[in-house]
């Protein structure tokens, strides 16, 4: 590649996409980390990945999602596949990324972070104890309101029946 090596996150992300490796555990892993805003930025995955453990797994997950984001943003320009030829010809990663996605590397990194937060962060927010309590409170209030309406309706019916009997 004429001395212009793409970032490691791109290489590993492409490998993950081509292997078709994505499962429920990968999704849950991103949900857990996105819920505490601890997703690793792509800039930290430029040269090398953490070795072993959850940090490495998370790096692969984020890399795969970043490559998927190239496809989503740059769909009209051929996605990540359109980047391979120019990169092999020695063009810089930043210029090729910008041509395909319309974003410079820093802007793309922010777009990926935002997308991951939006896509995976909300699940944890809904599943949190505070959210569950809020949902239970809303359900209780709605149930109590419906019971009150039902009771009032029944009282009106009983009053109407009693008025008929009195005549």
Foldseek 3Di string as FASTA:
>chain_A
DQPADFFQLQVLLVVCVVVVDDDPVLLVLLLVCLQVLNQDFVVVRGHHFDDDDSRRSSSSSLSNLLQVVQCVQQVVVPGPVNLVVVVVVPDHPQVSSCVRRVDGPVRSRVVSSVCSSVVRNVVVVCVDPVNVVVVVVVVVVVVVVVVVVVVVVVVVVVVVVVVVVVD
